[in-house]
Every structure is written in C-alpha cells, then in structure tokens.
Amino acid sequence: MSNAVLQVIIMVIVILYCAYMLYSSLRLYKKDKAGAAEYMTVHPEARRVSLSIWQAWLLVGMGVLCFVLVFFGNIITPEGQQVWMYQLTYFALGLVFLGLSLDVWLHRRLLLSNDGFFYAGDTYRFRMILNMEQKKGIFKNVKLNMANGTELEMANRVGMAVREDWLAWKEKKKEKRKNRRNR
C-alpha cells in the first residue's frame, strides 16, 4: 500500500468522524429546540438564560475561517506540498468547530421556571435534585446529583443560575410547609 493511499484512507476516516460529530450535535440541537418550544408552552413563565454565548460565536467564526481556507489552500500551502491534504484538513477542522459551536450553544443555555428547568434537550424538576457540588480543578463545573441516580454536569455559570433558582424553590417550599403548620 502506497503512502498516498494510506493518507487518503486516513483523511476519509477523519472526515467521516468529523461529519458524524457534527451530525450528533445537530440531532441534539434539534431535540433541544423542539423540547424548548414544548417546555415554553407548558411553562409560559419560564425565562431563558444564555451565558457565554460568545464562545459559540467564536467557534462559528473559526469554522467559517477553516472553510474559507479550503478555497485558498493552494495560495497558503508551502511549495511542493499536497494541496488537497491541507484542504481536507481545513474542511475537517471546519466541521469540528461547527459541531463544537452547537455543543457550546446547547450547554450554555437553559430555561428556568418555578419548579424546574430545561437543559440540553431534557426537563429536570427541582425536587429531583439531591445536592449540588462544585468540582475542583481547572474547569470548575457544577455536578447535580439527581434522585434517579443520574449525575448532571454543567458549566459553572449555568450551574450557579440553576442553584439560585433551586434554593429559592426550596425556600418557597419551606414557607408553604410552615404556613400549613400554622393554620
């Protein structure tokens, strides 16, 4: 097997993998969009919280830049190099950046209502949350431990927004119990 054939096989595998990642992100985005519309009909008082959306736009810009470089690959490619390899690499990177932008878009937005929230295509009730803990390390994500045994991890700012509403919900719940006892 020649070196050129091996390069083509590797590039095809990489592009197929990148296309699959983009397809997965698009599928989750469509699920999120449909679920958010349904959540808003059930909870008209829900408010949309969007945090750090600039990161998604930055990734879209990088993806567009990669797609532009596909067309100008022959200008910026060093002499004697295979232009098509660079063009396929830029194309694969463009797919990756677009898929990542959709993921960032999904994981930095949520809908908050009086009794729960909608995040990344799924609905969660505040009563399902057992506790919240902030992870230590470089990325200080927030981990929610749910009553059904699942763990939900989200970005710190998104987790803090959920935490504020969750604590407010708990206070309202305590007030209701206190008022019932005093009757």
N, C-alpha and C. Protein backbone atom coordinates (compact mmCIF):
# COMPACT_ATOMS: atom_id res chain seq x y z
N MET A 1 0.86 -1.18 0.00
CA MET A 1 0.00 0.00 0.00
C MET A 1 0.90 1.23 0.00
N SER A 2 0.64 2.13 -0.91
CA SER A 2 1.49 3.32 -1.02
C SER A 2 1.12 4.35 0.05
N ASN A 3 2.02 5.28 0.22
CA ASN A 3 1.85 6.33 1.20
C ASN A 3 0.64 7.21 0.87
N ALA A 4 0.43 7.50 -0.41
CA ALA A 4 -0.70 8.35 -0.82
C ALA A 4 -2.04 7.68 -0.52
N VAL A 5 -2.13 6.38 -0.76
CA VAL A 5 -3.37 5.65 -0.49
C VAL A 5 -3.66 5.64 1.01
N LEU A 6 -2.64 5.45 1.81
CA LEU A 6 -2.80 5.46 3.26
C LEU A 6 -3.26 6.83 3.74
N GLN A 7 -2.70 7.89 3.17
CA GLN A 7 -3.11 9.24 3.53
C GLN A 7 -4.58 9.48 3.18
N VAL A 8 -5.00 9.01 2.03
CA VAL A 8 -6.39 9.18 1.62
C VAL A 8 -7.32 8.43 2.56
N ILE A 9 -6.96 7.21 2.92
CA ILE A 9 -7.79 6.41 3.83
C ILE A 9 -7.91 7.11 5.18
N ILE A 10 -6.80 7.60 5.69
CA ILE A 10 -6.82 8.29 6.99
C ILE A 10 -7.67 9.55 6.91
N MET A 11 -7.54 10.32 5.85
CA MET A 11 -8.32 11.55 5.72
C MET A 11 -9.81 11.26 5.58
N VAL A 12 -10.16 10.22 4.86
CA VAL A 12 -11.58 9.85 4.73
C VAL A 12 -12.14 9.46 6.09
N ILE A 13 -11.38 8.69 6.85
CA ILE A 13 -11.84 8.29 8.19
C ILE A 13 -12.01 9.52 9.08
N VAL A 14 -11.05 10.43 9.04
CA VAL A 14 -11.13 11.64 9.87
C VAL A 14 -12.33 12.49 9.47
N ILE A 15 -12.55 12.67 8.18
CA ILE A 15 -13.69 13.49 7.73
C ILE A 15 -15.01 12.83 8.08
N LEU A 16 -15.10 11.52 7.94
CA LEU A 16 -16.33 10.83 8.32
C LEU A 16 -16.60 10.97 9.81
N TYR A 17 -15.55 10.87 10.62
CA TYR A 17 -15.72 11.03 12.06
C TYR A 17 -16.17 12.46 12.40
N CYS A 18 -15.55 13.44 11.76
CA CYS A 18 -15.94 14.84 12.00
C CYS A 18 -17.38 15.10 11.55
N ALA A 19 -17.77 14.52 10.43
CA ALA A 19 -19.14 14.67 9.95
C ALA A 19 -20.12 14.01 10.92
N TYR A 20 -19.74 12.86 11.48
CA TYR A 20 -20.60 12.20 12.47
C TYR A 20 -20.74 13.07 13.72
N MET A 21 -19.65 13.69 14.17
CA MET A 21 -19.73 14.57 15.34
C MET A 21 -20.68 15.74 15.07
N LEU A 22 -20.58 16.32 13.88
CA LEU A 22 -21.47 17.42 13.52
C LEU A 22 -22.92 16.94 13.46
N TYR A 23 -23.15 15.76 12.89
CA TYR A 23 -24.50 15.20 12.81
C TYR A 23 -25.07 14.97 14.22
N SER A 24 -24.26 14.44 15.13
CA SER A 24 -24.72 14.21 16.51
C SER A 24 -25.10 15.53 17.17
N SER A 25 -24.28 16.55 16.96
CA SER A 25 -24.58 17.86 17.55
C SER A 25 -25.85 18.44 16.96
N LEU A 26 -26.04 18.29 15.64
CA LEU A 26 -27.26 18.79 15.00
C LEU A 26 -28.50 18.07 15.51
N ARG A 27 -28.38 16.76 15.70
CA ARG A 27 -29.51 15.98 16.20
C ARG A 27 -29.89 16.44 17.61
N LEU A 28 -28.89 16.65 18.47
CA LEU A 28 -29.16 17.12 19.82
C LEU A 28 -29.73 18.54 19.80
N TYR A 29 -29.24 19.37 18.89
CA TYR A 29 -29.75 20.74 18.76
C TYR A 29 -31.22 20.74 18.37
N LYS A 30 -31.58 19.88 17.42
CA LYS A 30 -32.99 19.79 17.00
C LYS A 30 -33.87 19.31 18.16
N LYS A 31 -33.37 18.33 18.90
CA LYS A 31 -34.12 17.82 20.06
C LYS A 31 -34.29 18.94 21.09
N ASP A 32 -33.24 19.71 21.31
CA ASP A 32 -33.30 20.81 22.26
C ASP A 32 -34.28 21.88 21.81
N LYS A 33 -34.25 22.21 20.55
CA LYS A 33 -35.13 23.26 20.03
C LYS A 33 -36.60 22.85 20.15
N ALA A 34 -36.91 21.60 19.79
CA ALA A 34 -38.29 21.12 19.89
C ALA A 34 -38.72 21.02 21.36
N GLY A 35 -37.84 20.52 22.21
CA GLY A 35 -38.16 20.40 23.63
C GLY A 35 -38.33 21.75 24.30
N ALA A 36 -37.53 22.74 23.90
CA ALA A 36 -37.64 24.08 24.48
C ALA A 36 -38.98 24.71 24.12
N ALA A 37 -39.41 24.52 22.89
CA ALA A 37 -40.71 25.07 22.48
C ALA A 37 -41.84 24.42 23.28
N GLU A 38 -41.76 23.12 23.47
CA GLU A 38 -42.77 22.41 24.26
C GLU A 38 -42.73 22.86 25.71
N TYR A 39 -41.53 23.04 26.26
CA TYR A 39 -41.38 23.47 27.65
C TYR A 39 -41.97 24.87 27.84
N MET A 40 -41.79 25.73 26.86
CA MET A 40 -42.34 27.09 26.96
C MET A 40 -43.86 27.10 26.89
N THR A 41 -44.47 26.14 26.19
CA THR A 41 -45.94 26.08 26.17
C THR A 41 -46.48 25.59 27.51
N VAL A 42 -45.77 24.66 28.14
CA VAL A 42 -46.20 24.14 29.44
C VAL A 42 -45.89 25.14 30.55
N HIS A 43 -44.75 25.82 30.44
CA HIS A 43 -44.31 26.78 31.46
C HIS A 43 -44.14 28.16 30.82
N PRO A 44 -45.23 28.89 30.63
CA PRO A 44 -45.11 30.20 29.96
C PRO A 44 -44.32 31.22 30.78
N GLU A 45 -44.20 31.00 32.08
CA GLU A 45 -43.46 31.94 32.93
C GLU A 45 -41.95 31.69 32.89
N ALA A 46 -41.52 30.65 32.21
CA ALA A 46 -40.10 30.29 32.17
C ALA A 46 -39.29 31.39 31.50
N ARG A 47 -38.08 31.58 32.02
CA ARG A 47 -37.19 32.57 31.42
C ARG A 47 -35.96 31.88 30.85
N ARG A 48 -35.51 32.42 29.74
CA ARG A 48 -34.34 31.85 29.05
C ARG A 48 -33.08 32.51 29.61
N VAL A 49 -32.12 31.69 29.97
CA VAL A 49 -30.84 32.17 30.46
C VAL A 49 -29.77 31.72 29.47
N SER A 50 -29.06 32.68 28.91
CA SER A 50 -27.97 32.38 27.96
C SER A 50 -26.69 32.97 28.53
N LEU A 51 -25.72 32.12 28.75
CA LEU A 51 -24.46 32.54 29.36
C LEU A 51 -23.29 32.17 28.45
N SER A 52 -22.39 33.09 28.26
CA SER A 52 -21.16 32.86 27.48
C SER A 52 -21.43 32.37 26.07
N ILE A 53 -22.41 32.94 25.42
CA ILE A 53 -22.73 32.55 24.05
C ILE A 53 -21.63 33.03 23.09
N TRP A 54 -20.82 33.98 23.52
CA TRP A 54 -19.74 34.48 22.67
C TRP A 54 -18.80 33.35 22.28
N GLN A 55 -18.66 32.35 23.15
CA GLN A 55 -17.79 31.21 22.83
C GLN A 55 -18.32 30.45 21.63
N ALA A 56 -19.63 30.30 21.54
CA ALA A 56 -20.21 29.60 20.39
C ALA A 56 -19.96 30.40 19.12
N TRP A 57 -20.13 31.72 19.19
CA TRP A 57 -19.89 32.55 18.01
C TRP A 57 -18.42 32.55 17.60
N LEU A 58 -17.53 32.48 18.58
CA LEU A 58 -16.10 32.39 18.27
C LEU A 58 -15.80 31.09 17.51
N LEU A 59 -16.40 30.00 17.95
CA LEU A 59 -16.21 28.72 17.26
C LEU A 59 -16.82 28.73 15.87
N VAL A 60 -17.96 29.39 15.69
CA VAL A 60 -18.54 29.52 14.35
C VAL A 60 -17.58 30.30 13.45
N GLY A 61 -17.02 31.37 13.98
CA GLY A 61 -16.05 32.15 13.21
C GLY A 61 -14.83 31.34 12.82
N MET A 62 -14.35 30.52 13.73
CA MET A 62 -13.20 29.67 13.41
C MET A 62 -13.57 28.62 12.36
N GLY A 63 -14.78 28.10 12.43
CA GLY A 63 -15.24 27.14 11.42
C GLY A 63 -15.35 27.78 10.05
N VAL A 64 -15.90 28.99 10.01
CA VAL A 64 -16.00 29.71 8.73
C VAL A 64 -14.61 30.00 8.18
N LEU A 65 -13.69 30.40 9.05
CA LEU A 65 -12.31 30.64 8.61
C LEU A 65 -11.70 29.38 8.00
N CYS A 66 -11.94 28.23 8.62
CA CYS A 66 -11.43 26.97 8.07
C CYS A 66 -12.03 26.68 6.70
N PHE A 67 -13.32 26.93 6.53
CA PHE A 67 -13.95 26.69 5.23
C PHE A 67 -13.42 27.67 4.17
N VAL A 68 -13.11 28.89 4.58
CA VAL A 68 -12.50 29.85 3.65
C VAL A 68 -11.11 29.37 3.25
N LEU A 69 -10.37 28.84 4.22
CA LEU A 69 -9.02 28.33 3.92
C LEU A 69 -9.05 27.14 2.97
N VAL A 70 -10.16 26.41 2.93
CA VAL A 70 -10.27 25.31 1.97
C VAL A 70 -10.12 25.85 0.55
N PHE A 71 -10.74 26.98 0.28
CA PHE A 71 -10.71 27.54 -1.07
C PHE A 71 -9.40 28.27 -1.39
N PHE A 72 -8.72 28.73 -0.34
CA PHE A 72 -7.45 29.42 -0.57
C PHE A 72 -6.26 28.56 -0.17
N GLY A 73 -6.48 27.26 -0.07
CA GLY A 73 -5.41 26.34 0.33
C GLY A 73 -4.23 26.35 -0.62
N ASN A 74 -4.48 26.51 -1.91
CA ASN A 74 -3.37 26.49 -2.86
C ASN A 74 -2.50 27.73 -2.75
N ILE A 75 -3.02 28.81 -2.20
CA ILE A 75 -2.24 30.04 -2.04
C ILE A 75 -1.33 29.95 -0.82
N ILE A 76 -1.83 29.36 0.28
CA ILE A 76 -1.06 29.36 1.52
C ILE A 76 -0.28 28.08 1.75
N THR A 77 -0.41 27.11 0.88
CA THR A 77 0.31 25.85 1.04
C THR A 77 1.76 26.02 0.61
N PRO A 78 2.72 25.52 1.40
CA PRO A 78 4.13 25.62 1.01
C PRO A 78 4.40 24.88 -0.31
N GLU A 79 5.42 25.34 -1.03
CA GLU A 79 5.81 24.73 -2.30
C GLU A 79 6.09 23.24 -2.12
N GLY A 80 5.63 22.47 -3.05
CA GLY A 80 5.93 21.04 -3.05
C GLY A 80 5.04 20.20 -2.14
N GLN A 81 4.11 20.80 -1.47
CA GLN A 81 3.21 20.06 -0.58
C GLN A 81 1.93 19.69 -1.33
N GLN A 82 1.23 18.73 -0.80
CA GLN A 82 -0.03 18.29 -1.41
C GLN A 82 -1.16 19.21 -0.93
N VAL A 83 -1.68 20.00 -1.84
CA VAL A 83 -2.71 20.99 -1.50
C VAL A 83 -3.97 20.31 -0.99
N TRP A 84 -4.36 19.23 -1.58
CA TRP A 84 -5.62 18.58 -1.20
C TRP A 84 -5.59 18.09 0.24
N MET A 85 -4.40 17.71 0.76
CA MET A 85 -4.32 17.28 2.16
C MET A 85 -4.64 18.45 3.09
N TYR A 86 -4.08 19.61 2.77
CA TYR A 86 -4.37 20.79 3.58
C TYR A 86 -5.85 21.17 3.47
N GLN A 87 -6.40 21.09 2.28
CA GLN A 87 -7.80 21.45 2.10
C GLN A 87 -8.72 20.50 2.86
N LEU A 88 -8.42 19.21 2.82
CA LEU A 88 -9.24 18.26 3.59
C LEU A 88 -9.08 18.47 5.09
N THR A 89 -7.88 18.83 5.51
CA THR A 89 -7.66 19.10 6.94
C THR A 89 -8.46 20.33 7.37
N TYR A 90 -8.43 21.39 6.58
CA TYR A 90 -9.22 22.58 6.91
C TYR A 90 -10.72 22.27 6.91
N PHE A 91 -11.15 21.44 5.98
CA PHE A 91 -12.56 21.05 5.92
C PHE A 91 -12.95 20.28 7.19
N ALA A 92 -12.10 19.33 7.60
CA ALA A 92 -12.38 18.55 8.81
C ALA A 92 -12.41 19.45 10.03
N LEU A 93 -11.46 20.37 10.12
CA LEU A 93 -11.45 21.31 11.25
C LEU A 93 -12.69 22.19 11.26
N GLY A 94 -13.14 22.61 10.08
CA GLY A 94 -14.37 23.40 10.00
C GLY A 94 -15.56 22.64 10.54
N LEU A 95 -15.66 21.35 10.19
CA LEU A 95 -16.75 20.52 10.71
C LEU A 95 -16.67 20.40 12.23
N VAL A 96 -15.45 20.21 12.74
CA VAL A 96 -15.27 20.09 14.19
C VAL A 96 -15.70 21.38 14.89
N PHE A 97 -15.25 22.51 14.38
CA PHE A 97 -15.60 23.79 15.01
C PHE A 97 -17.11 24.05 14.97
N LEU A 98 -17.78 23.71 13.89
CA LEU A 98 -19.23 23.91 13.83
C LEU A 98 -19.95 22.98 14.82
N GLY A 99 -19.50 21.74 14.92
CA GLY A 99 -20.09 20.83 15.90
C GLY A 99 -19.87 21.30 17.32
N LEU A 100 -18.66 21.78 17.61
CA LEU A 100 -18.37 22.30 18.94
C LEU A 100 -19.19 23.54 19.25
N SER A 101 -19.43 24.38 18.25
CA SER A 101 -20.23 25.58 18.49
C SER A 101 -21.66 25.21 18.88
N LEU A 102 -22.21 24.18 18.25
CA LEU A 102 -23.56 23.73 18.63
C LEU A 102 -23.56 23.18 20.05
N ASP A 103 -22.53 22.42 20.41
CA ASP A 103 -22.45 21.89 21.77
C ASP A 103 -22.34 23.01 22.80
N VAL A 104 -21.51 24.00 22.52
CA VAL A 104 -21.38 25.13 23.44
C VAL A 104 -22.70 25.88 23.54
N TRP A 105 -23.36 26.07 22.40
CA TRP A 105 -24.65 26.77 22.38
C TRP A 105 -25.66 26.04 23.26
N LEU A 106 -25.69 24.71 23.18
CA LEU A 106 -26.65 23.93 23.97
C LEU A 106 -26.32 23.94 25.45
N HIS A 107 -25.05 23.87 25.79
CA HIS A 107 -24.67 23.71 27.18
C HIS A 107 -24.44 25.02 27.91
N ARG A 108 -24.72 26.13 27.27
CA ARG A 108 -24.63 27.43 27.92
C ARG A 108 -25.98 28.14 27.97
N ARG A 109 -27.03 27.42 27.62
CA ARG A 109 -28.39 27.98 27.65
C ARG A 109 -29.30 27.05 28.44
N LEU A 110 -30.28 27.64 29.11
CA LEU A 110 -31.29 26.85 29.78
C LEU A 110 -32.55 27.68 29.97
N LEU A 111 -33.63 27.00 30.23
CA LEU A 111 -34.90 27.64 30.56
C LEU A 111 -35.19 27.34 32.02
N LEU A 112 -35.44 28.38 32.80
CA LEU A 112 -35.74 28.22 34.22
C LEU A 112 -37.19 28.58 34.47
N SER A 113 -37.89 27.73 35.21
CA SER A 113 -39.28 28.01 35.59
C SER A 113 -39.39 27.92 37.11
N ASN A 114 -40.60 28.01 37.61
CA ASN A 114 -40.82 28.00 39.06
C ASN A 114 -40.46 26.67 39.71
N ASP A 115 -40.63 25.57 38.99
CA ASP A 115 -40.43 24.27 39.61
C ASP A 115 -39.39 23.39 38.92
N GLY A 116 -38.66 23.94 37.96
CA GLY A 116 -37.66 23.13 37.28
C GLY A 116 -36.95 23.90 36.19
N PHE A 117 -36.25 23.15 35.35
CA PHE A 117 -35.51 23.78 34.26
C PHE A 117 -35.38 22.82 33.09
N PHE A 118 -35.11 23.40 31.94
CA PHE A 118 -34.89 22.65 30.71
C PHE A 118 -33.46 22.91 30.27
N TYR A 119 -32.68 21.83 30.11
CA TYR A 119 -31.26 21.98 29.81
C TYR A 119 -30.82 20.88 28.86
N ALA A 120 -30.22 21.26 27.76
CA ALA A 120 -29.62 20.33 26.78
C ALA A 120 -30.60 19.25 26.32
N GLY A 121 -31.83 19.65 26.06
CA GLY A 121 -32.80 18.73 25.49
C GLY A 121 -33.63 17.94 26.49
N ASP A 122 -33.41 18.13 27.78
CA ASP A 122 -34.15 17.38 28.80
C ASP A 122 -34.73 18.31 29.85
N THR A 123 -35.83 17.86 30.45
CA THR A 123 -36.51 18.61 31.50
C THR A 123 -36.15 18.02 32.85
N TYR A 124 -35.85 18.88 33.81
CA TYR A 124 -35.50 18.45 35.16
C TYR A 124 -36.34 19.24 36.15
N ARG A 125 -36.82 18.55 37.18
CA ARG A 125 -37.59 19.20 38.24
C ARG A 125 -36.65 19.48 39.41
N PHE A 126 -36.90 20.57 40.11
CA PHE A 126 -36.06 20.91 41.25
C PHE A 126 -36.15 19.84 42.34
N ARG A 127 -37.30 19.19 42.46
CA ARG A 127 -37.44 18.18 43.50
C ARG A 127 -36.59 16.94 43.22
N MET A 128 -36.11 16.79 41.98
CA MET A 128 -35.25 15.66 41.64
C MET A 128 -33.81 15.86 42.12
N ILE A 129 -33.44 17.11 42.41
CA ILE A 129 -32.05 17.41 42.78
C ILE A 129 -31.82 17.03 44.24
N LEU A 130 -30.87 16.15 44.47
CA LEU A 130 -30.50 15.79 45.84
C LEU A 130 -29.49 16.78 46.39
N ASN A 131 -28.44 17.03 45.64
CA ASN A 131 -27.46 18.03 46.04
C ASN A 131 -26.67 18.51 44.83
N MET A 132 -25.92 19.58 45.07
CA MET A 132 -25.07 20.15 44.03
C MET A 132 -23.67 20.27 44.61
N GLU A 133 -22.69 19.98 43.79
CA GLU A 133 -21.32 20.17 44.24
C GLU A 133 -20.50 20.77 43.11
N GLN A 134 -19.60 21.65 43.52
CA GLN A 134 -18.74 22.27 42.52
C GLN A 134 -17.46 21.46 42.45
N LYS A 135 -17.12 21.05 41.23
CA LYS A 135 -15.92 20.26 41.04
C LYS A 135 -14.70 21.16 41.17
N LYS A 136 -13.62 20.56 41.63
CA LYS A 136 -12.38 21.30 41.75
C LYS A 136 -11.52 21.02 40.53
N GLY A 137 -10.62 21.92 40.24
CA GLY A 137 -9.74 21.73 39.10
C GLY A 137 -9.77 22.94 38.19
N ILE A 138 -9.27 22.74 36.99
CA ILE A 138 -9.20 23.84 36.03
C ILE A 138 -10.59 24.27 35.61
N PHE A 139 -11.43 23.31 35.26
CA PHE A 139 -12.80 23.60 34.87
C PHE A 139 -13.70 23.34 36.06
N LYS A 140 -14.18 24.39 36.68
CA LYS A 140 -14.99 24.26 37.89
C LYS A 140 -16.45 24.06 37.52
N ASN A 141 -16.75 22.92 36.96
CA ASN A 141 -18.13 22.60 36.60
C ASN A 141 -18.94 22.30 37.84
N VAL A 142 -20.24 22.36 37.70
CA VAL A 142 -21.16 22.03 38.79
C VAL A 142 -21.80 20.69 38.47
N LYS A 143 -21.80 19.80 39.46
CA LYS A 143 -22.39 18.48 39.28
C LYS A 143 -23.65 18.40 40.13
N LEU A 144 -24.76 18.05 39.49
CA LEU A 144 -26.03 17.87 40.18
C LEU A 144 -26.27 16.38 40.34
N ASN A 145 -26.49 15.94 41.56
CA ASN A 145 -26.85 14.56 41.82
C ASN A 145 -28.37 14.49 41.89
N MET A 146 -28.94 13.67 41.02
CA MET A 146 -30.39 13.59 40.89
C MET A 146 -30.93 12.39 41.66
N ALA A 147 -32.22 12.43 41.98
CA ALA A 147 -32.86 11.38 42.77
C ALA A 147 -32.90 10.05 42.03
N ASN A 148 -32.92 10.07 40.71
CA ASN A 148 -32.98 8.81 39.96
C ASN A 148 -31.60 8.19 39.76
N GLY A 149 -30.58 8.74 40.41
CA GLY A 149 -29.24 8.17 40.36
C GLY A 149 -28.35 8.75 39.28
N THR A 150 -28.87 9.61 38.46
CA THR A 150 -28.04 10.20 37.41
C THR A 150 -27.30 11.42 37.94
N GLU A 151 -26.24 11.74 37.27
CA GLU A 151 -25.48 12.94 37.58
C GLU A 151 -25.51 13.84 36.36
N LEU A 152 -25.76 15.10 36.59
CA LEU A 152 -25.81 16.08 35.51
C LEU A 152 -24.70 17.09 35.75
N GLU A 153 -23.81 17.20 34.78
CA GLU A 153 -22.70 18.13 34.92
C GLU A 153 -22.91 19.28 33.95
N MET A 154 -22.70 20.50 34.45
CA MET A 154 -22.90 21.68 33.62
C MET A 154 -21.84 22.71 33.94
N ALA A 155 -21.71 23.69 33.06
CA ALA A 155 -20.74 24.77 33.25
C ALA A 155 -21.04 25.52 34.54
N ASN A 156 -20.03 26.12 35.11
CA ASN A 156 -20.15 26.77 36.41
C ASN A 156 -21.22 27.85 36.42
N ARG A 157 -21.21 28.74 35.46
CA ARG A 157 -22.19 29.84 35.45
C ARG A 157 -23.61 29.32 35.26
N VAL A 158 -23.78 28.31 34.45
CA VAL A 158 -25.11 27.71 34.25
C VAL A 158 -25.55 27.03 35.54
N GLY A 159 -24.63 26.31 36.17
CA GLY A 159 -24.93 25.64 37.43
C GLY A 159 -25.30 26.61 38.54
N MET A 160 -24.64 27.75 38.57
CA MET A 160 -24.96 28.76 39.59
C MET A 160 -26.34 29.36 39.35
N ALA A 161 -26.72 29.52 38.09
CA ALA A 161 -28.07 30.02 37.79
C ALA A 161 -29.13 29.02 38.26
N VAL A 162 -28.87 27.74 38.02
CA VAL A 162 -29.79 26.69 38.50
C VAL A 162 -29.81 26.68 40.02
N ARG A 163 -28.65 26.83 40.63
CA ARG A 163 -28.54 26.79 42.09
C ARG A 163 -29.37 27.91 42.73
N GLU A 164 -29.29 29.10 42.18
CA GLU A 164 -30.07 30.22 42.72
C GLU A 164 -31.56 29.92 42.70
N ASP A 165 -32.06 29.46 41.58
CA ASP A 165 -33.49 29.15 41.47
C ASP A 165 -33.86 27.94 42.32
N TRP A 166 -32.98 26.97 42.42
CA TRP A 166 -33.23 25.78 43.25
C TRP A 166 -33.35 26.19 44.72
N LEU A 167 -32.44 27.04 45.19
CA LEU A 167 -32.50 27.49 46.59
C LEU A 167 -33.76 28.33 46.83
N ALA A 168 -34.14 29.17 45.87
CA ALA A 168 -35.37 29.95 46.00
C ALA A 168 -36.58 29.02 46.06
N TRP A 169 -36.58 27.97 45.25
CA TRP A 169 -37.66 26.98 45.26
C TRP A 169 -37.74 26.28 46.62
N LYS A 170 -36.57 25.93 47.18
CA LYS A 170 -36.55 25.27 48.49
C LYS A 170 -37.10 26.19 49.57
N GLU A 171 -36.78 27.48 49.50
CA GLU A 171 -37.30 28.43 50.48
C GLU A 171 -38.82 28.56 50.37
N LYS A 172 -39.34 28.63 49.15
CA LYS A 172 -40.79 28.68 48.96
C LYS A 172 -41.45 27.43 49.51
N LYS A 173 -40.82 26.30 49.31
CA LYS A 173 -41.36 25.03 49.81
C LYS A 173 -41.40 25.03 51.34
N LYS A 174 -40.34 25.55 51.98
CA LYS A 174 -40.31 25.64 53.44
C LYS A 174 -41.40 26.58 53.94
N GLU A 175 -41.58 27.69 53.25
CA GLU A 175 -42.63 28.65 53.62
C GLU A 175 -44.01 28.02 53.55
N LYS A 176 -44.26 27.27 52.49
CA LYS A 176 -45.56 26.61 52.35
C LYS A 176 -45.80 25.63 53.49
N ARG A 177 -44.78 24.86 53.82
CA ARG A 177 -44.92 23.90 54.93
C ARG A 177 -45.17 24.63 56.24
N LYS A 178 -44.46 25.72 56.44
CA LYS A 178 -44.61 26.49 57.67
C LYS A 178 -46.02 27.08 57.76
N ASN A 179 -46.52 27.59 56.66
CA ASN A 179 -47.87 28.16 56.63
C ASN A 179 -48.93 27.09 56.88
N ARG A 180 -48.73 25.90 56.36
CA ARG A 180 -49.69 24.80 56.59
C ARG A 180 -49.71 24.39 58.06
N ARG A 181 -48.56 24.39 58.69
CA ARG A 181 -48.49 24.01 60.11
C ARG A 181 -49.16 25.06 61.00
N ASN A 182 -49.05 26.31 60.62
CA ASN A 182 -49.59 27.40 61.44
C ASN A 182 -51.10 27.56 61.31
N ARG A 183 -51.72 26.89 60.40
CA ARG A 183 -53.18 27.03 60.22
C ARG A 183 -53.93 26.40 61.31
